[in-house]
Amino acid sequence: VIGRCVSAVDYGWQITRLIPPAALTGQIGGIAANLAIQGKTSPD
């Protein structure tokens, strides 16, 4: 699950609602998906 699907409060919420941190979750998700495929495992 990628994007702004997080739980946060106060300053954490202010940061996560912006586009760059949301885009970063996409990058990290892609990296995790790639590692899972390469390792023939599931992301979890």
ModelCIF file with pLDDT and N, C-alpha, C, O atoms, coordinates in Angstrom:
data_MODEL
#
_entry.id   MODEL 
#
_entity.id                         1 
_entity.type                       polymer 
_entity.pdbx_number_of_molecules   1 
#
_entity_poly.entity_id                      1 
_entity_poly.type                           'polypeptide(L)' 
_entity_poly.nstd_linkage                   no 
_entity_poly.nstd_monomer                   no 
_entity_poly.pdbx_seq_one_letter_code       VIGRCVSAVDYGWQITRLIPPAALTGQIGGIAANLAIQGKTSPD 
_entity_poly.pdbx_seq_one_letter_code_can   VIGRCVSAVDYGWQITRLIPPAALTGQIGGIAANLAIQGKTSPD 
_entity_poly.pdbx_strand_id                 A 
#
loop_
_entity_poly_seq.entity_id 
_entity_poly_seq.num 
_entity_poly_seq.mon_id 
_entity_poly_seq.hetero 
1 1  VAL n 
1 2  ILE n 
1 3  GLY n 
1 4  ARG n 
1 5  CYS n 
1 6  VAL n 
1 7  SER n 
1 8  ALA n 
1 9  VAL n 
1 10 ASP n 
1 11 TYR n 
1 12 GLY n 
1 13 TRP n 
1 14 GLN n 
1 15 ILE n 
1 16 THR n 
1 17 ARG n 
1 18 LEU n 
1 19 ILE n 
1 20 PRO n 
1 21 PRO n 
1 22 ALA n 
1 23 ALA n 
1 24 LEU n 
1 25 THR n 
1 26 GLY n 
1 27 GLN n 
1 28 ILE n 
1 29 GLY n 
1 30 GLY n 
1 31 ILE n 
1 32 ALA n 
1 33 ALA n 
1 34 ASN n 
1 35 LEU n 
1 36 ALA n 
1 37 ILE n 
1 38 GLN n 
1 39 GLY n 
1 40 LYS n 
1 41 THR n 
1 42 SER n 
1 43 PRO n 
1 44 ASP n 
#
_struct_asym.id          A 
_struct_asym.entity_id   1 
#
loop_
_ma_qa_metric.id 
_ma_qa_metric.mode 
_ma_qa_metric.name 
_ma_qa_metric.software_group_id 
_ma_qa_metric.type 
1 global pLDDT . pLDDT 
2 local  pLDDT . pLDDT 
#
_ma_qa_metric_global.metric_id      1 
_ma_qa_metric_global.metric_value   86.84 
_ma_qa_metric_global.model_id       1 
_ma_qa_metric_global.ordinal_id     1 
#
loop_
_ma_qa_metric_local.label_asym_id 
_ma_qa_metric_local.label_comp_id 
_ma_qa_metric_local.label_seq_id 
_ma_qa_metric_local.metric_id 
_ma_qa_metric_local.metric_value 
_ma_qa_metric_local.model_id 
_ma_qa_metric_local.ordinal_id 
A VAL 1  2 86.00 1 1  
A ILE 2  2 85.00 1 2  
A GLY 3  2 77.00 1 3  
A ARG 4  2 74.00 1 4  
A CYS 5  2 76.00 1 5  
A VAL 6  2 75.00 1 6  
A SER 7  2 79.00 1 7  
A ALA 8  2 81.00 1 8  
A VAL 9  2 84.00 1 9  
A ASP 10 2 84.00 1 10 
A TYR 11 2 80.00 1 11 
A GLY 12 2 79.00 1 12 
A TRP 13 2 79.00 1 13 
A GLN 14 2 79.00 1 14 
A ILE 15 2 79.00 1 15 
A THR 16 2 78.00 1 16 
A ARG 17 2 75.00 1 17 
A LEU 18 2 80.00 1 18 
A ILE 19 2 82.00 1 19 
A PRO 20 2 83.00 1 20 
A PRO 21 2 81.00 1 21 
A ALA 22 2 80.00 1 22 
A ALA 23 2 85.00 1 23 
A LEU 24 2 88.00 1 24 
A THR 25 2 87.00 1 25 
A GLY 26 2 90.00 1 26 
A GLN 27 2 93.00 1 27 
A ILE 28 2 93.00 1 28 
A GLY 29 2 94.00 1 29 
A GLY 30 2 95.00 1 30 
A ILE 31 2 97.00 1 31 
A ALA 32 2 96.00 1 32 
A ALA 33 2 96.00 1 33 
A ASN 34 2 97.00 1 34 
A LEU 35 2 97.00 1 35 
A ALA 36 2 97.00 1 36 
A ILE 37 2 97.00 1 37 
A GLN 38 2 97.00 1 38 
A GLY 39 2 97.00 1 39 
A LYS 40 2 96.00 1 40 
A THR 41 2 95.00 1 41 
A SER 42 2 94.00 1 42 
A PRO 43 2 93.00 1 43 
A ASP 44 2 91.00 1 44 
#
loop_
_atom_site.group_PDB 
_atom_site.id 
_atom_site.type_symbol 
_atom_site.label_atom_id 
_atom_site.label_alt_id 
_atom_site.label_comp_id 
_atom_site.label_asym_id 
_atom_site.label_entity_id 
_atom_site.label_seq_id 
_atom_site.pdbx_PDB_ins_code 
_atom_site.Cartn_x 
_atom_site.Cartn_y 
_atom_site.Cartn_z 
_atom_site.occupancy 
_atom_site.B_iso_or_equiv 
_atom_site.pdbx_formal_charge 
_atom_site.auth_seq_id 
_atom_site.auth_comp_id 
_atom_site.auth_asym_id 
_atom_site.auth_atom_id 
_atom_site.pdbx_PDB_model_num 
ATOM 1   N N  . VAL A 1 1  ? 0.874  -1.169  0.000  1.00 86.00 ? 1  VAL A N  1 
ATOM 2   C CA . VAL A 1 1  ? 0.000  0.000   0.000  1.00 86.00 ? 1  VAL A CA 1 
ATOM 3   C C  . VAL A 1 1  ? 0.911  1.219   0.000  1.00 86.00 ? 1  VAL A C  1 
ATOM 4   O O  . VAL A 1 1  ? 1.697  1.420   0.927  1.00 86.00 ? 1  VAL A O  1 
ATOM 5   N N  . ILE A 1 2  ? 0.801  2.024   -1.038 1.00 85.00 ? 2  ILE A N  1 
ATOM 6   C CA . ILE A 1 2  ? 1.733  3.123   -1.261 1.00 85.00 ? 2  ILE A CA 1 
ATOM 7   C C  . ILE A 1 2  ? 0.982  4.450   -1.244 1.00 85.00 ? 2  ILE A C  1 
ATOM 8   O O  . ILE A 1 2  ? -0.160 4.528   -1.696 1.00 85.00 ? 2  ILE A O  1 
ATOM 9   N N  . GLY A 1 3  ? 1.620  5.484   -0.726 1.00 77.00 ? 3  GLY A N  1 
ATOM 10  C CA . GLY A 1 3  ? 1.047  6.827   -0.792 1.00 77.00 ? 3  GLY A CA 1 
ATOM 11  C C  . GLY A 1 3  ? 0.760  7.400   0.574  1.00 77.00 ? 3  GLY A C  1 
ATOM 12  O O  . GLY A 1 3  ? 1.501  7.170   1.529  1.00 77.00 ? 3  GLY A O  1 
ATOM 13  N N  . ARG A 1 4  ? -0.312 8.143   0.659  1.00 74.00 ? 4  ARG A N  1 
ATOM 14  C CA . ARG A 1 4  ? -0.652 8.857   1.893  1.00 74.00 ? 4  ARG A CA 1 
ATOM 15  C C  . ARG A 1 4  ? -1.512 8.020   2.837  1.00 74.00 ? 4  ARG A C  1 
ATOM 16  O O  . ARG A 1 4  ? -2.361 8.562   3.545  1.00 74.00 ? 4  ARG A O  1 
ATOM 17  N N  . CYS A 1 5  ? -1.307 6.757   2.852  1.00 76.00 ? 5  CYS A N  1 
ATOM 18  C CA . CYS A 1 5  ? -2.106 5.842   3.675  1.00 76.00 ? 5  CYS A CA 1 
ATOM 19  C C  . CYS A 1 5  ? -1.359 5.564   4.973  1.00 76.00 ? 5  CYS A C  1 
ATOM 20  O O  . CYS A 1 5  ? -0.996 4.422   5.257  1.00 76.00 ? 5  CYS A O  1 
ATOM 21  N N  . VAL A 1 6  ? -1.132 6.610   5.755  1.00 75.00 ? 6  VAL A N  1 
ATOM 22  C CA . VAL A 1 6  ? -0.395 6.481   7.009  1.00 75.00 ? 6  VAL A CA 1 
ATOM 23  C C  . VAL A 1 6  ? -1.197 7.094   8.141  1.00 75.00 ? 6  VAL A C  1 
ATOM 24  O O  . VAL A 1 6  ? -2.123 7.874   7.919  1.00 75.00 ? 6  VAL A O  1 
ATOM 25  N N  . SER A 1 7  ? -0.835 6.738   9.323  1.00 79.00 ? 7  SER A N  1 
ATOM 26  C CA . SER A 1 7  ? -1.421 7.344   10.509 1.00 79.00 ? 7  SER A CA 1 
ATOM 27  C C  . SER A 1 7  ? -0.341 8.193   11.169 1.00 79.00 ? 7  SER A C  1 
ATOM 28  O O  . SER A 1 7  ? 0.751  7.701   11.456 1.00 79.00 ? 7  SER A O  1 
ATOM 29  N N  . ALA A 1 8  ? -0.638 9.447   11.406 1.00 81.00 ? 8  ALA A N  1 
ATOM 30  C CA . ALA A 1 8  ? 0.343  10.348  12.013 1.00 81.00 ? 8  ALA A CA 1 
ATOM 31  C C  . ALA A 1 8  ? -0.382 11.447  12.776 1.00 81.00 ? 8  ALA A C  1 
ATOM 32  O O  . ALA A 1 8  ? -1.564 11.701  12.545 1.00 81.00 ? 8  ALA A O  1 
ATOM 33  N N  . VAL A 1 9  ? 0.327  12.088  13.677 1.00 84.00 ? 9  VAL A N  1 
ATOM 34  C CA . VAL A 1 9  ? -0.232 13.200  14.440 1.00 84.00 ? 9  VAL A CA 1 
ATOM 35  C C  . VAL A 1 9  ? 0.727  14.379  14.391 1.00 84.00 ? 9  VAL A C  1 
ATOM 36  O O  . VAL A 1 9  ? 1.916  14.234  14.107 1.00 84.00 ? 9  VAL A O  1 
ATOM 37  N N  . ASP A 1 10 ? 0.176  15.539  14.673 1.00 84.00 ? 10 ASP A N  1 
ATOM 38  C CA . ASP A 1 10 ? 0.942  16.773  14.785 1.00 84.00 ? 10 ASP A CA 1 
ATOM 39  C C  . ASP A 1 10 ? 1.859  17.011  13.587 1.00 84.00 ? 10 ASP A C  1 
ATOM 40  O O  . ASP A 1 10 ? 1.408  17.000  12.442 1.00 84.00 ? 10 ASP A O  1 
ATOM 41  N N  . TYR A 1 11 ? 3.152  17.227  13.857 1.00 80.00 ? 11 TYR A N  1 
ATOM 42  C CA . TYR A 1 11 ? 4.100  17.558  12.794 1.00 80.00 ? 11 TYR A CA 1 
ATOM 43  C C  . TYR A 1 11 ? 4.226  16.430  11.781 1.00 80.00 ? 11 TYR A C  1 
ATOM 44  O O  . TYR A 1 11 ? 4.390  16.677  10.587 1.00 80.00 ? 11 TYR A O  1 
ATOM 45  N N  . GLY A 1 12 ? 4.149  15.192  12.259 1.00 79.00 ? 12 GLY A N  1 
ATOM 46  C CA . GLY A 1 12 ? 4.223  14.056  11.350 1.00 79.00 ? 12 GLY A CA 1 
ATOM 47  C C  . GLY A 1 12 ? 3.142  14.115  10.290 1.00 79.00 ? 12 GLY A C  1 
ATOM 48  O O  . GLY A 1 12 ? 3.396  13.798  9.128  1.00 79.00 ? 12 GLY A O  1 
ATOM 49  N N  . TRP A 1 13 ? 1.943  14.515  10.672 1.00 79.00 ? 13 TRP A N  1 
ATOM 50  C CA . TRP A 1 13 ? 0.844  14.625  9.710  1.00 79.00 ? 13 TRP A CA 1 
ATOM 51  C C  . TRP A 1 13 ? 1.119  15.761  8.714  1.00 79.00 ? 13 TRP A C  1 
ATOM 52  O O  . TRP A 1 13 ? 0.857  15.616  7.520  1.00 79.00 ? 13 TRP A O  1 
ATOM 53  N N  . GLN A 1 14 ? 1.639  16.871  9.199  1.00 79.00 ? 14 GLN A N  1 
ATOM 54  C CA . GLN A 1 14 ? 1.928  18.002  8.319  1.00 79.00 ? 14 GLN A CA 1 
ATOM 55  C C  . GLN A 1 14 ? 2.926  17.611  7.231  1.00 79.00 ? 14 GLN A C  1 
ATOM 56  O O  . GLN A 1 14 ? 2.803  18.055  6.090  1.00 79.00 ? 14 GLN A O  1 
ATOM 57  N N  . ILE A 1 15 ? 3.895  16.798  7.571  1.00 79.00 ? 15 ILE A N  1 
ATOM 58  C CA . ILE A 1 15 ? 4.909  16.381  6.605  1.00 79.00 ? 15 ILE A CA 1 
ATOM 59  C C  . ILE A 1 15 ? 4.357  15.349  5.629  1.00 79.00 ? 15 ILE A C  1 
ATOM 60  O O  . ILE A 1 15 ? 4.567  15.472  4.422  1.00 79.00 ? 15 ILE A O  1 
ATOM 61  N N  . THR A 1 16 ? 3.654  14.334  6.130  1.00 78.00 ? 16 THR A N  1 
ATOM 62  C CA . THR A 1 16 ? 3.228  13.234  5.263  1.00 78.00 ? 16 THR A CA 1 
ATOM 63  C C  . THR A 1 16 ? 2.152  13.638  4.266  1.00 78.00 ? 16 THR A C  1 
ATOM 64  O O  . THR A 1 16 ? 1.947  12.939  3.274  1.00 78.00 ? 16 THR A O  1 
ATOM 65  N N  . ARG A 1 17 ? 1.464  14.743  4.502  1.00 75.00 ? 17 ARG A N  1 
ATOM 66  C CA . ARG A 1 17 ? 0.404  15.127  3.565  1.00 75.00 ? 17 ARG A CA 1 
ATOM 67  C C  . ARG A 1 17 ? 0.952  15.850  2.326  1.00 75.00 ? 17 ARG A C  1 
ATOM 68  O O  . ARG A 1 17 ? 0.200  16.144  1.397  1.00 75.00 ? 17 ARG A O  1 
ATOM 69  N N  . LEU A 1 18 ? 2.246  16.132  2.313  1.00 80.00 ? 18 LEU A N  1 
ATOM 70  C CA . LEU A 1 18 ? 2.861  16.810  1.180  1.00 80.00 ? 18 LEU A CA 1 
ATOM 71  C C  . LEU A 1 18 ? 3.229  15.810  0.081  1.00 80.00 ? 18 LEU A C  1 
ATOM 72  O O  . LEU A 1 18 ? 3.365  14.614  0.335  1.00 80.00 ? 18 LEU A O  1 
ATOM 73  N N  . ILE A 1 19 ? 3.388  16.317  -1.136 1.00 82.00 ? 19 ILE A N  1 
ATOM 74  C CA . ILE A 1 19 ? 3.644  15.442  -2.280 1.00 82.00 ? 19 ILE A CA 1 
ATOM 75  C C  . ILE A 1 19 ? 5.005  14.739  -2.218 1.00 82.00 ? 19 ILE A C  1 
ATOM 76  O O  . ILE A 1 19 ? 5.041  13.535  -2.469 1.00 82.00 ? 19 ILE A O  1 
ATOM 77  N N  . PRO A 1 20 ? 6.121  15.398  -1.904 1.00 83.00 ? 20 PRO A N  1 
ATOM 78  C CA . PRO A 1 20 ? 7.408  14.682  -1.909 1.00 83.00 ? 20 PRO A CA 1 
ATOM 79  C C  . PRO A 1 20 ? 7.457  13.461  -0.990 1.00 83.00 ? 20 PRO A C  1 
ATOM 80  O O  . PRO A 1 20 ? 7.922  12.407  -1.424 1.00 83.00 ? 20 PRO A O  1 
ATOM 81  N N  . PRO A 1 21 ? 6.996  13.557  0.264  1.00 81.00 ? 21 PRO A N  1 
ATOM 82  C CA . PRO A 1 21 ? 7.004  12.341  1.084  1.00 81.00 ? 21 PRO A CA 1 
ATOM 83  C C  . PRO A 1 21 ? 6.087  11.251  0.531  1.00 81.00 ? 21 PRO A C  1 
ATOM 84  O O  . PRO A 1 21 ? 6.401  10.066  0.641  1.00 81.00 ? 21 PRO A O  1 
ATOM 85  N N  . ALA A 1 22 ? 4.973  11.635  -0.053 1.00 80.00 ? 22 ALA A N  1 
ATOM 86  C CA . ALA A 1 22 ? 4.077  10.644  -0.650 1.00 80.00 ? 22 ALA A CA 1 
ATOM 87  C C  . ALA A 1 22 ? 4.761  9.974   -1.845 1.00 80.00 ? 22 ALA A C  1 
ATOM 88  O O  . ALA A 1 22 ? 4.636  8.764   -2.037 1.00 80.00 ? 22 ALA A O  1 
ATOM 89  N N  . ALA A 1 23 ? 5.472  10.747  -2.633 1.00 85.00 ? 23 ALA A N  1 
ATOM 90  C CA . ALA A 1 23 ? 6.196  10.187  -3.776 1.00 85.00 ? 23 ALA A CA 1 
ATOM 91  C C  . ALA A 1 23 ? 7.313  9.259   -3.300 1.00 85.00 ? 23 ALA A C  1 
ATOM 92  O O  . ALA A 1 23 ? 7.586  8.237   -3.929 1.00 85.00 ? 23 ALA A O  1 
ATOM 93  N N  . LEU A 1 24 ? 7.949  9.614   -2.202 1.00 88.00 ? 24 LEU A N  1 
ATOM 94  C CA . LEU A 1 24 ? 9.012  8.783   -1.651 1.00 88.00 ? 24 LEU A CA 1 
ATOM 95  C C  . LEU A 1 24 ? 8.476  7.407   -1.266 1.00 88.00 ? 24 LEU A C  1 
ATOM 96  O O  . LEU A 1 24 ? 9.169  6.406   -1.447 1.00 88.00 ? 24 LEU A O  1 
ATOM 97  N N  . THR A 1 25 ? 7.260  7.342   -0.741 1.00 87.00 ? 25 THR A N  1 
ATOM 98  C CA . THR A 1 25 ? 6.699  6.034   -0.403 1.00 87.00 ? 25 THR A CA 1 
ATOM 99  C C  . THR A 1 25 ? 6.556  5.177   -1.660 1.00 87.00 ? 25 THR A C  1 
ATOM 100 O O  . THR A 1 25 ? 6.705  3.956   -1.598 1.00 87.00 ? 25 THR A O  1 
ATOM 101 N N  . GLY A 1 26 ? 6.271  5.800   -2.788 1.00 90.00 ? 26 GLY A N  1 
ATOM 102 C CA . GLY A 1 26 ? 6.194  5.068   -4.046 1.00 90.00 ? 26 GLY A CA 1 
ATOM 103 C C  . GLY A 1 26 ? 7.542  4.516   -4.451 1.00 90.00 ? 26 GLY A C  1 
ATOM 104 O O  . GLY A 1 26 ? 7.644  3.376   -4.903 1.00 90.00 ? 26 GLY A O  1 
ATOM 105 N N  . GLN A 1 27 ? 8.576  5.322   -4.289 1.00 93.00 ? 27 GLN A N  1 
ATOM 106 C CA . GLN A 1 27 ? 9.930  4.861   -4.615 1.00 93.00 ? 27 GLN A CA 1 
ATOM 107 C C  . GLN A 1 27 ? 10.332 3.684   -3.725 1.00 93.00 ? 27 GLN A C  1 
ATOM 108 O O  . GLN A 1 27 ? 10.856 2.681   -4.209 1.00 93.00 ? 27 GLN A O  1 
ATOM 109 N N  . ILE A 1 28 ? 10.087 3.815   -2.446 1.00 93.00 ? 28 ILE A N  1 
ATOM 110 C CA . ILE A 1 28 ? 10.451 2.754   -1.504 1.00 93.00 ? 28 ILE A CA 1 
ATOM 111 C C  . ILE A 1 28 ? 9.622  1.495   -1.781 1.00 93.00 ? 28 ILE A C  1 
ATOM 112 O O  . ILE A 1 28 ? 10.137 0.379   -1.703 1.00 93.00 ? 28 ILE A O  1 
ATOM 113 N N  . GLY A 1 29 ? 8.347  1.679   -2.102 1.00 94.00 ? 29 GLY A N  1 
ATOM 114 C CA . GLY A 1 29 ? 7.511  0.532   -2.448 1.00 94.00 ? 29 GLY A CA 1 
ATOM 115 C C  . GLY A 1 29 ? 8.022  -0.192  -3.679 1.00 94.00 ? 29 GLY A C  1 
ATOM 116 O O  . GLY A 1 29 ? 8.012  -1.422  -3.732 1.00 94.00 ? 29 GLY A O  1 
ATOM 117 N N  . GLY A 1 30 ? 8.466  0.565   -4.665 1.00 95.00 ? 30 GLY A N  1 
ATOM 118 C CA . GLY A 1 30 ? 9.030  -0.039  -5.869 1.00 95.00 ? 30 GLY A CA 1 
ATOM 119 C C  . GLY A 1 30 ? 10.306 -0.801  -5.581 1.00 95.00 ? 30 GLY A C  1 
ATOM 120 O O  . GLY A 1 30 ? 10.532 -1.884  -6.120 1.00 95.00 ? 30 GLY A O  1 
ATOM 121 N N  . ILE A 1 31 ? 11.133 -0.230  -4.732 1.00 97.00 ? 31 ILE A N  1 
ATOM 122 C CA . ILE A 1 31 ? 12.369 -0.905  -4.335 1.00 97.00 ? 31 ILE A CA 1 
ATOM 123 C C  . ILE A 1 31 ? 12.035 -2.200  -3.598 1.00 97.00 ? 31 ILE A C  1 
ATOM 124 O O  . ILE A 1 31 ? 12.640 -3.240  -3.859 1.00 97.00 ? 31 ILE A O  1 
ATOM 125 N N  . ALA A 1 32 ? 11.080 -2.137  -2.684 1.00 96.00 ? 32 ALA A N  1 
ATOM 126 C CA . ALA A 1 32 ? 10.688 -3.331  -1.931 1.00 96.00 ? 32 ALA A CA 1 
ATOM 127 C C  . ALA A 1 32 ? 10.109 -4.397  -2.863 1.00 96.00 ? 32 ALA A C  1 
ATOM 128 O O  . ALA A 1 32 ? 10.411 -5.581  -2.714 1.00 96.00 ? 32 ALA A O  1 
ATOM 129 N N  . ALA A 1 33 ? 9.286  -3.985  -3.812 1.00 96.00 ? 33 ALA A N  1 
ATOM 130 C CA . ALA A 1 33 ? 8.715  -4.940  -4.760 1.00 96.00 ? 33 ALA A CA 1 
ATOM 131 C C  . ALA A 1 33 ? 9.812  -5.609  -5.568 1.00 96.00 ? 33 ALA A C  1 
ATOM 132 O O  . ALA A 1 33 ? 9.780  -6.821  -5.782 1.00 96.00 ? 33 ALA A O  1 
ATOM 133 N N  . ASN A 1 34 ? 10.781 -4.823  -6.018 1.00 97.00 ? 34 ASN A N  1 
ATOM 134 C CA . ASN A 1 34 ? 11.889 -5.367  -6.795 1.00 97.00 ? 34 ASN A CA 1 
ATOM 135 C C  . ASN A 1 34 ? 12.715 -6.353  -5.976 1.00 97.00 ? 34 ASN A C  1 
ATOM 136 O O  . ASN A 1 34 ? 13.073 -7.424  -6.466 1.00 97.00 ? 34 ASN A O  1 
ATOM 137 N N  . LEU A 1 35 ? 13.016 -5.994  -4.734 1.00 97.00 ? 35 LEU A N  1 
ATOM 138 C CA . LEU A 1 35 ? 13.781 -6.897  -3.878 1.00 97.00 ? 35 LEU A CA 1 
ATOM 139 C C  . LEU A 1 35 ? 13.018 -8.198  -3.623 1.00 97.00 ? 35 LEU A C  1 
ATOM 140 O O  . LEU A 1 35 ? 13.612 -9.275  -3.589 1.00 97.00 ? 35 LEU A O  1 
ATOM 141 N N  . ALA A 1 36 ? 11.714 -8.092  -3.447 1.00 97.00 ? 36 ALA A N  1 
ATOM 142 C CA . ALA A 1 36 ? 10.904 -9.282  -3.219 1.00 97.00 ? 36 ALA A CA 1 
ATOM 143 C C  . ALA A 1 36 ? 10.921 -10.195 -4.446 1.00 97.00 ? 36 ALA A C  1 
ATOM 144 O O  . ALA A 1 36 ? 11.032 -11.414 -4.317 1.00 97.00 ? 36 ALA A O  1 
ATOM 145 N N  . ILE A 1 37 ? 10.812 -9.604  -5.623 1.00 97.00 ? 37 ILE A N  1 
ATOM 146 C CA . ILE A 1 37 ? 10.853 -10.399 -6.856 1.00 97.00 ? 37 ILE A CA 1 
ATOM 147 C C  . ILE A 1 37 ? 12.216 -11.064 -7.018 1.00 97.00 ? 37 ILE A C  1 
ATOM 148 O O  . ILE A 1 37 ? 12.307 -12.255 -7.317 1.00 97.00 ? 37 ILE A O  1 
ATOM 149 N N  . GLN A 1 38 ? 13.269 -10.281 -6.817 1.00 97.00 ? 38 GLN A N  1 
ATOM 150 C CA . GLN A 1 38 ? 14.620 -10.837 -6.951 1.00 97.00 ? 38 GLN A CA 1 
ATOM 151 C C  . GLN A 1 38 ? 14.875 -11.963 -5.952 1.00 97.00 ? 38 GLN A C  1 
ATOM 152 O O  . GLN A 1 38 ? 15.528 -12.957 -6.270 1.00 97.00 ? 38 GLN A O  1 
ATOM 153 N N  . GLY A 1 39 ? 14.347 -11.791 -4.738 1.00 97.00 ? 39 GLY A N  1 
ATOM 154 C CA . GLY A 1 39 ? 14.556 -12.788 -3.694 1.00 97.00 ? 39 GLY A CA 1 
ATOM 155 C C  . GLY A 1 39 ? 13.525 -13.901 -3.693 1.00 97.00 ? 39 GLY A C  1 
ATOM 156 O O  . GLY A 1 39 ? 13.556 -14.791 -2.843 1.00 97.00 ? 39 GLY A O  1 
ATOM 157 N N  . LYS A 1 40 ? 12.609 -13.841 -4.656 1.00 96.00 ? 40 LYS A N  1 
ATOM 158 C CA . LYS A 1 40 ? 11.538 -14.846 -4.750 1.00 96.00 ? 40 LYS A CA 1 
ATOM 159 C C  . LYS A 1 40 ? 10.818 -15.028 -3.414 1.00 96.00 ? 40 LYS A C  1 
ATOM 160 O O  . LYS A 1 40 ? 10.641 -16.141 -2.918 1.00 96.00 ? 40 LYS A O  1 
ATOM 161 N N  . THR A 1 41 ? 10.412 -13.886 -2.855 1.00 95.00 ? 41 THR A N  1 
ATOM 162 C CA . THR A 1 41 ? 9.718  -13.879 -1.578 1.00 95.00 ? 41 THR A CA 1 
ATOM 163 C C  . THR A 1 41 ? 8.598  -12.850 -1.629 1.00 95.00 ? 41 THR A C  1 
ATOM 164 O O  . THR A 1 41 ? 8.370  -12.240 -2.674 1.00 95.00 ? 41 THR A O  1 
ATOM 165 N N  . SER A 1 42 ? 7.913  -12.651 -0.547 1.00 94.00 ? 42 SER A N  1 
ATOM 166 C CA . SER A 1 42 ? 6.882  -11.619 -0.492 1.00 94.00 ? 42 SER A CA 1 
ATOM 167 C C  . SER A 1 42 ? 7.435  -10.408 0.248  1.00 94.00 ? 42 SER A C  1 
ATOM 168 O O  . SER A 1 42 ? 8.346  -10.556 1.062  1.00 94.00 ? 42 SER A O  1 
ATOM 169 N N  . PRO A 1 43 ? 6.909  -9.219  -0.013 1.00 93.00 ? 43 PRO A N  1 
ATOM 170 C CA . PRO A 1 43 ? 7.451  -8.007  0.596  1.00 93.00 ? 43 PRO A CA 1 
ATOM 171 C C  . PRO A 1 43 ? 7.461  -8.052  2.125  1.00 93.00 ? 43 PRO A C  1 
ATOM 172 O O  . PRO A 1 43 ? 8.364  -7.495  2.750  1.00 93.00 ? 43 PRO A O  1 
ATOM 173 N N  . ASP A 1 44 ? 6.477  -8.703  2.730  1.00 91.00 ? 44 ASP A N  1 
ATOM 174 C CA . ASP A 1 44 ? 6.427  -8.733  4.193  1.00 91.00 ? 44 ASP A CA 1 
ATOM 175 C C  . ASP A 1 44 ? 7.540  -9.583  4.806  1.00 91.00 ? 44 ASP A C  1 
ATOM 176 O O  . ASP A 1 44 ? 7.625  -9.701  6.028  1.00 91.00 ? 44 ASP A O  1 
#
